[in-house]
Amino acid sequence: MAKGKDARVKVILECTSCVRKSVNKGSRVISRYITQKNRHNTPNRLELLKFCSYCYKHTIHGEIKK
């Protein structure tokens, strides 16, 4: 049987440089990735170096709330 709180959860990673650049909230284009993390091993927010298709370079993608 599955427990109520699973160790692995889905998280959304968002490009940090695209968020800083976007001024107009209506036309925000942000690179996002969906991945999983182990809640017990990594309780802090996850940050990974991923490729942003809008910046055309590798940038830091940070975990956001759902």
PDB file of N, CA and C in Angstrom:
ATOM      1  N   MET A   1       0.821  -1.179   0.000  1.00  0.00           N
ATOM      2  CA  MET A   1       0.000   0.000   0.000  1.00  0.00           C
ATOM      3  C   MET A   1       0.871   1.252   0.000  1.00  0.00           C
ATOM      4  N   ALA A   2       0.428   2.263  -0.705  1.00  0.00           N
ATOM      5  CA  ALA A   2       1.164   3.520  -0.781  1.00  0.00           C
ATOM      6  C   ALA A   2       0.864   4.364   0.457  1.00  0.00           C
ATOM      7  N   LYS A   3       1.876   5.052   0.925  1.00  0.00           N
ATOM      8  CA  LYS A   3       1.705   5.923   2.078  1.00  0.00           C
ATOM      9  C   LYS A   3       1.157   7.273   1.624  1.00  0.00           C
ATOM     10  N   GLY A   4       0.697   8.065   2.542  1.00  0.00           N
ATOM     11  CA  GLY A   4       0.127   9.378   2.234  1.00  0.00           C
ATOM     12  C   GLY A   4       1.157  10.348   1.688  1.00  0.00           C
ATOM     13  N   LYS A   5       2.342  10.381   2.294  1.00  0.00           N
ATOM     14  CA  LYS A   5       3.390  11.296   1.845  1.00  0.00           C
ATOM     15  C   LYS A   5       4.514  10.491   1.219  1.00  0.00           C
ATOM     16  N   ASP A   6       4.585  10.524  -0.090  1.00  0.00           N
ATOM     17  CA  ASP A   6       5.640   9.813  -0.802  1.00  0.00           C
ATOM     18  C   ASP A   6       6.946  10.585  -0.704  1.00  0.00           C
ATOM     19  N   ALA A   7       8.064   9.868  -0.806  1.00  0.00           N
ATOM     20  CA  ALA A   7       9.370  10.513  -0.729  1.00  0.00           C
ATOM     21  C   ALA A   7       9.681  11.268  -2.013  1.00  0.00           C
ATOM     22  N   ARG A   8       9.253  10.724  -3.168  1.00  0.00           N
ATOM     23  CA  ARG A   8       9.546  11.374  -4.445  1.00  0.00           C
ATOM     24  C   ARG A   8       8.377  12.257  -4.855  1.00  0.00           C
ATOM     25  N   VAL A   9       8.673  13.508  -5.154  1.00  0.00           N
ATOM     26  CA  VAL A   9       7.642  14.459  -5.572  1.00  0.00           C
ATOM     27  C   VAL A   9       8.064  15.104  -6.892  1.00  0.00           C
ATOM     28  N   LYS A  10       7.071  15.522  -7.675  1.00  0.00           N
ATOM     29  CA  LYS A  10       7.342  16.222  -8.923  1.00  0.00           C
ATOM     30  C   LYS A  10       7.581  17.690  -8.613  1.00  0.00           C
ATOM     31  N   VAL A  11       8.605  18.270  -9.254  1.00  0.00           N
ATOM     32  CA  VAL A  11       8.913  19.686  -9.086  1.00  0.00           C
ATOM     33  C   VAL A  11       9.052  20.326 -10.462  1.00  0.00           C
ATOM     34  N   ILE A  12       8.795  21.627 -10.512  1.00  0.00           N
ATOM     35  CA  ILE A  12       8.918  22.396 -11.748  1.00  0.00           C
ATOM     36  C   ILE A  12      10.135  23.290 -11.617  1.00  0.00           C
ATOM     37  N   LEU A  13      11.028  23.223 -12.605  1.00  0.00           N
ATOM     38  CA  LEU A  13      12.213  24.066 -12.644  1.00  0.00           C
ATOM     39  C   LEU A  13      11.990  25.168 -13.667  1.00  0.00           C
ATOM     40  N   GLU A  14      12.272  26.412 -13.272  1.00  0.00           N
ATOM     41  CA  GLU A  14      12.028  27.567 -14.125  1.00  0.00           C
ATOM     42  C   GLU A  14      13.318  28.354 -14.306  1.00  0.00           C
ATOM     43  N   CYS A  15      13.548  28.848 -15.513  1.00  0.00           N
ATOM     44  CA  CYS A  15      14.752  29.615 -15.816  1.00  0.00           C
ATOM     45  C   CYS A  15      14.770  30.899 -15.002  1.00  0.00           C
ATOM     46  N   THR A  16      15.860  31.143 -14.295  1.00  0.00           N
ATOM     47  CA  THR A  16      15.947  32.328 -13.439  1.00  0.00           C
ATOM     48  C   THR A  16      16.286  33.584 -14.241  1.00  0.00           C
ATOM     49  N   SER A  17      17.021  33.461 -15.335  1.00  0.00           N
ATOM     50  CA  SER A  17      17.368  34.650 -16.112  1.00  0.00           C
ATOM     51  C   SER A  17      16.188  35.133 -16.957  1.00  0.00           C
ATOM     52  N   CYS A  18      15.321  34.256 -17.431  1.00  0.00           N
ATOM     53  CA  CYS A  18      14.133  34.672 -18.187  1.00  0.00           C
ATOM     54  C   CYS A  18      13.149  35.396 -17.283  1.00  0.00           C
ATOM     55  N   VAL A  19      13.050  34.985 -16.032  1.00  0.00           N
ATOM     56  CA  VAL A  19      12.124  35.623 -15.094  1.00  0.00           C
ATOM     57  C   VAL A  19      12.568  37.050 -14.828  1.00  0.00           C
ATOM     58  N   ARG A  20      13.872  37.271 -14.704  1.00  0.00           N
ATOM     59  CA  ARG A  20      14.385  38.616 -14.444  1.00  0.00           C
ATOM     60  C   ARG A  20      14.202  39.526 -15.655  1.00  0.00           C
ATOM     61  N   LYS A  21      14.328  38.972 -16.866  1.00  0.00           N
ATOM     62  CA  LYS A  21      14.226  39.776 -18.087  1.00  0.00           C
ATOM     63  C   LYS A  21      12.797  40.195 -18.387  1.00  0.00           C
ATOM     64  N   SER A  22      11.824  39.330 -18.102  1.00  0.00           N
ATOM     65  CA  SER A  22      10.444  39.607 -18.505  1.00  0.00           C
ATOM     66  C   SER A  22       9.859  40.731 -17.662  1.00  0.00           C
ATOM     67  N   VAL A  23       9.444  41.778 -18.336  1.00  0.00           N
ATOM     68  CA  VAL A  23       8.864  42.938 -17.660  1.00  0.00           C
ATOM     69  C   VAL A  23       7.349  42.876 -17.759  1.00  0.00           C
ATOM     70  N   ASN A  24       6.838  42.598 -18.950  1.00  0.00           N
ATOM     71  CA  ASN A  24       5.401  42.540 -19.176  1.00  0.00           C
ATOM     72  C   ASN A  24       4.891  41.160 -18.805  1.00  0.00           C
ATOM     73  N   LYS A  25       4.006  41.064 -17.826  1.00  0.00           N
ATOM     74  CA  LYS A  25       3.536  39.767 -17.352  1.00  0.00           C
ATOM     75  C   LYS A  25       2.646  39.063 -18.371  1.00  0.00           C
ATOM     76  N   GLY A  26       2.038  39.786 -19.293  1.00  0.00           N
ATOM     77  CA  GLY A  26       1.166  39.174 -20.284  1.00  0.00           C
ATOM     78  C   GLY A  26       1.935  38.380 -21.327  1.00  0.00           C
ATOM     79  N   SER A  27       3.161  38.787 -21.638  1.00  0.00           N
ATOM     80  CA  SER A  27       3.932  38.117 -22.684  1.00  0.00           C
ATOM     81  C   SER A  27       5.158  37.409 -22.107  1.00  0.00           C
ATOM     82  N   ARG A  28       5.004  36.797 -20.952  1.00  0.00           N
ATOM     83  CA  ARG A  28       6.124  36.091 -20.334  1.00  0.00           C
ATOM     84  C   ARG A  28       6.381  34.775 -21.047  1.00  0.00           C
ATOM     85  N   VAL A  29       7.599  34.589 -21.483  1.00  0.00           N
ATOM     86  CA  VAL A  29       8.024  33.333 -22.081  1.00  0.00           C
ATOM     87  C   VAL A  29       9.152  32.809 -21.220  1.00  0.00           C
ATOM     88  N   ILE A  30       8.900  31.705 -20.527  1.00  0.00           N
ATOM     89  CA  ILE A  30       9.864  31.184 -19.569  1.00  0.00           C
ATOM     90  C   ILE A  30      10.093  29.715 -19.855  1.00  0.00           C
ATOM     91  N   SER A  31      11.359  29.315 -19.846  1.00  0.00           N
ATOM     92  CA  SER A  31      11.715  27.921 -20.028  1.00  0.00           C
ATOM     93  C   SER A  31      11.432  27.152 -18.743  1.00  0.00           C
ATOM     94  N   ARG A  32      10.716  26.039 -18.840  1.00  0.00           N
ATOM     95  CA  ARG A  32      10.382  25.230 -17.670  1.00  0.00           C
ATOM     96  C   ARG A  32      10.654  23.758 -17.936  1.00  0.00           C
ATOM     97  N   TYR A  33      11.106  23.069 -16.907  1.00  0.00           N
ATOM     98  CA  TYR A  33      11.331  21.631 -16.931  1.00  0.00           C
ATOM     99  C   TYR A  33      10.573  20.998 -15.775  1.00  0.00           C
ATOM    100  N   ILE A  34      10.113  19.765 -15.947  1.00  0.00           N
ATOM    101  CA  ILE A  34       9.478  19.007 -14.875  1.00  0.00           C
ATOM    102  C   ILE A  34      10.378  17.832 -14.550  1.00  0.00           C
ATOM    103  N   THR A  35      10.664  17.637 -13.260  1.00  0.00           N
ATOM    104  CA  THR A  35      11.524  16.555 -12.819  1.00  0.00           C
ATOM    105  C   THR A  35      11.040  16.056 -11.464  1.00  0.00           C
ATOM    106  N   GLN A  36      11.740  15.084 -10.904  1.00  0.00           N
ATOM    107  CA  GLN A  36      11.403  14.547  -9.597  1.00  0.00           C
ATOM    108  C   GLN A  36      12.567  14.716  -8.654  1.00  0.00           C
ATOM    109  N   LYS A  37      12.243  14.839  -7.363  1.00  0.00           N
ATOM    110  CA  LYS A  37      13.299  14.874  -6.357  1.00  0.00           C
ATOM    111  C   LYS A  37      12.833  14.090  -5.146  1.00  0.00           C
ATOM    112  N   ASN A  38      13.803  13.619  -4.366  1.00  0.00           N
ATOM    113  CA  ASN A  38      13.506  12.912  -3.136  1.00  0.00           C
ATOM    114  C   ASN A  38      13.389  13.941  -2.020  1.00  0.00           C
ATOM    115  N   ARG A  39      12.216  14.030  -1.423  1.00  0.00           N
ATOM    116  CA  ARG A  39      11.946  15.035  -0.405  1.00  0.00           C
ATOM    117  C   ARG A  39      12.811  14.849   0.840  1.00  0.00           C
ATOM    118  N   HIS A  40      13.147  13.615   1.180  1.00  0.00           N
ATOM    119  CA  HIS A  40      13.942  13.351   2.389  1.00  0.00           C
ATOM    120  C   HIS A  40      15.425  13.675   2.181  1.00  0.00           C
ATOM    121  N   ASN A  41      15.962  13.384   1.001  1.00  0.00           N
ATOM    122  CA  ASN A  41      17.384  13.641   0.734  1.00  0.00           C
ATOM    123  C   ASN A  41      17.661  15.090   0.387  1.00  0.00           C
ATOM    124  N   THR A  42      16.723  15.762  -0.280  1.00  0.00           N
ATOM    125  CA  THR A  42      16.905  17.159  -0.675  1.00  0.00           C
ATOM    126  C   THR A  42      15.732  17.987  -0.177  1.00  0.00           C
ATOM    127  N   PRO A  43      15.739  18.420   1.063  1.00  0.00           N
ATOM    128  CA  PRO A  43      14.617  19.217   1.569  1.00  0.00           C
ATOM    129  C   PRO A  43      14.636  20.658   1.054  1.00  0.00           C
ATOM    130  N   ASN A  44      15.799  21.157   0.639  1.00  0.00           N
ATOM    131  CA  ASN A  44      15.907  22.527   0.124  1.00  0.00           C
ATOM    132  C   ASN A  44      15.438  22.588  -1.320  1.00  0.00           C
ATOM    133  N   ARG A  45      15.298  23.819  -1.810  1.00  0.00           N
ATOM    134  CA  ARG A  45      14.889  23.990  -3.210  1.00  0.00           C
ATOM    135  C   ARG A  45      15.998  23.529  -4.149  1.00  0.00           C
ATOM    136  N   LEU A  46      15.599  22.924  -5.239  1.00  0.00           N
ATOM    137  CA  LEU A  46      16.520  22.346  -6.204  1.00  0.00           C
ATOM    138  C   LEU A  46      16.914  23.400  -7.241  1.00  0.00           C
ATOM    139  N   GLU A  47      18.198  23.448  -7.602  1.00  0.00           N
ATOM    140  CA  GLU A  47      18.689  24.321  -8.668  1.00  0.00           C
ATOM    141  C   GLU A  47      19.615  23.515  -9.561  1.00  0.00           C
ATOM    142  N   LEU A  48      19.309  23.479 -10.856  1.00  0.00           N
ATOM    143  CA  LEU A  48      20.101  22.724 -11.815  1.00  0.00           C
ATOM    144  C   LEU A  48      20.470  23.601 -12.998  1.00  0.00           C
ATOM    145  N   LEU A  49      21.582  23.286 -13.632  1.00  0.00           N
ATOM    146  CA  LEU A  49      22.017  23.992 -14.829  1.00  0.00           C
ATOM    147  C   LEU A  49      21.408  23.278 -16.039  1.00  0.00           C
ATOM    148  N   LYS A  50      20.430  23.926 -16.688  1.00  0.00           N
ATOM    149  CA  LYS A  50      19.724  23.335 -17.823  1.00  0.00           C
ATOM    150  C   LYS A  50      19.788  24.296 -19.009  1.00  0.00           C
ATOM    151  N   PHE A  51      19.464  23.788 -20.199  1.00  0.00           N
ATOM    152  CA  PHE A  51      19.466  24.614 -21.405  1.00  0.00           C
ATOM    153  C   PHE A  51      18.142  25.350 -21.528  1.00  0.00           C
ATOM    154  N   CYS A  52      18.213  26.653 -21.691  1.00  0.00           N
ATOM    155  CA  CYS A  52      17.027  27.482 -21.892  1.00  0.00           C
ATOM    156  C   CYS A  52      16.879  27.739 -23.392  1.00  0.00           C
ATOM    157  N   SER A  53      15.755  27.336 -23.952  1.00  0.00           N
ATOM    158  CA  SER A  53      15.553  27.483 -25.399  1.00  0.00           C
ATOM    159  C   SER A  53      15.234  28.929 -25.787  1.00  0.00           C
ATOM    160  N   TYR A  54      14.920  29.782 -24.829  1.00  0.00           N
ATOM    161  CA  TYR A  54      14.640  31.177 -25.134  1.00  0.00           C
ATOM    162  C   TYR A  54      15.879  32.048 -24.998  1.00  0.00           C
ATOM    163  N   CYS A  55      16.783  31.694 -24.075  1.00  0.00           N
ATOM    164  CA  CYS A  55      18.051  32.423 -23.928  1.00  0.00           C
ATOM    165  C   CYS A  55      19.127  31.849 -24.851  1.00  0.00           C
ATOM    166  N   TYR A  56      18.931  30.630 -25.333  1.00  0.00           N
ATOM    167  CA  TYR A  56      19.884  29.898 -26.169  1.00  0.00           C
ATOM    168  C   TYR A  56      21.220  29.674 -25.468  1.00  0.00           C
ATOM    169  N   LYS A  57      21.170  29.387 -24.169  1.00  0.00           N
ATOM    170  CA  LYS A  57      22.380  29.050 -23.417  1.00  0.00           C
ATOM    171  C   LYS A  57      21.985  28.290 -22.161  1.00  0.00           C
ATOM    172  N   HIS A  58      22.965  27.716 -21.498  1.00  0.00           N
ATOM    173  CA  HIS A  58      22.731  27.008 -20.254  1.00  0.00           C
ATOM    174  C   HIS A  58      22.607  28.014 -19.112  1.00  0.00           C
ATOM    175  N   THR A  59      21.508  27.945 -18.384  1.00  0.00           N
ATOM    176  CA  THR A  59      21.264  28.847 -17.264  1.00  0.00           C
ATOM    177  C   THR A  59      20.809  28.047 -16.057  1.00  0.00           C
ATOM    178  N   ILE A  60      20.773  28.699 -14.916  1.00  0.00           N
ATOM    179  CA  ILE A  60      20.311  28.040 -13.700  1.00  0.00           C
ATOM    180  C   ILE A  60      18.785  28.022 -13.692  1.00  0.00           C
ATOM    181  N   HIS A  61      18.230  26.844 -13.486  1.00  0.00           N
ATOM    182  CA  HIS A  61      16.785  26.676 -13.372  1.00  0.00           C
ATOM    183  C   HIS A  61      16.491  26.326 -11.913  1.00  0.00           C
ATOM    184  N   GLY A  62      15.636  27.110 -11.281  1.00  0.00           N
ATOM    185  CA  GLY A  62      15.315  26.914  -9.885  1.00  0.00           C
ATOM    186  C   GLY A  62      13.917  26.353  -9.696  1.00  0.00           C
ATOM    187  N   GLU A  63      13.721  25.680  -8.577  1.00  0.00           N
ATOM    188  CA  GLU A  63      12.427  25.071  -8.265  1.00  0.00           C
ATOM    189  C   GLU A  63      11.410  26.155  -7.888  1.00  0.00           C
ATOM    190  N   ILE A  64      10.176  25.995  -8.381  1.00  0.00           N
ATOM    191  CA  ILE A  64       9.119  26.941  -8.060  1.00  0.00           C
ATOM    192  C   ILE A  64       7.988  26.182  -7.393  1.00  0.00           C
ATOM    193  N   LYS A  65       7.067  26.931  -6.766  1.00  0.00           N
ATOM    194  CA  LYS A  65       5.892  26.311  -6.175  1.00  0.00           C
ATOM    195  C   LYS A  65       4.885  25.971  -7.256  1.00  0.00           C
ATOM    196  N   LYS A  66       4.066  24.985  -6.991  1.00  0.00           N
ATOM    197  CA  LYS A  66       3.026  24.593  -7.956  1.00  0.00           C
ATOM    198  C   LYS A  66       1.836  25.481  -7.830  1.00  0.00           C
TER     199      LYS A  66
END
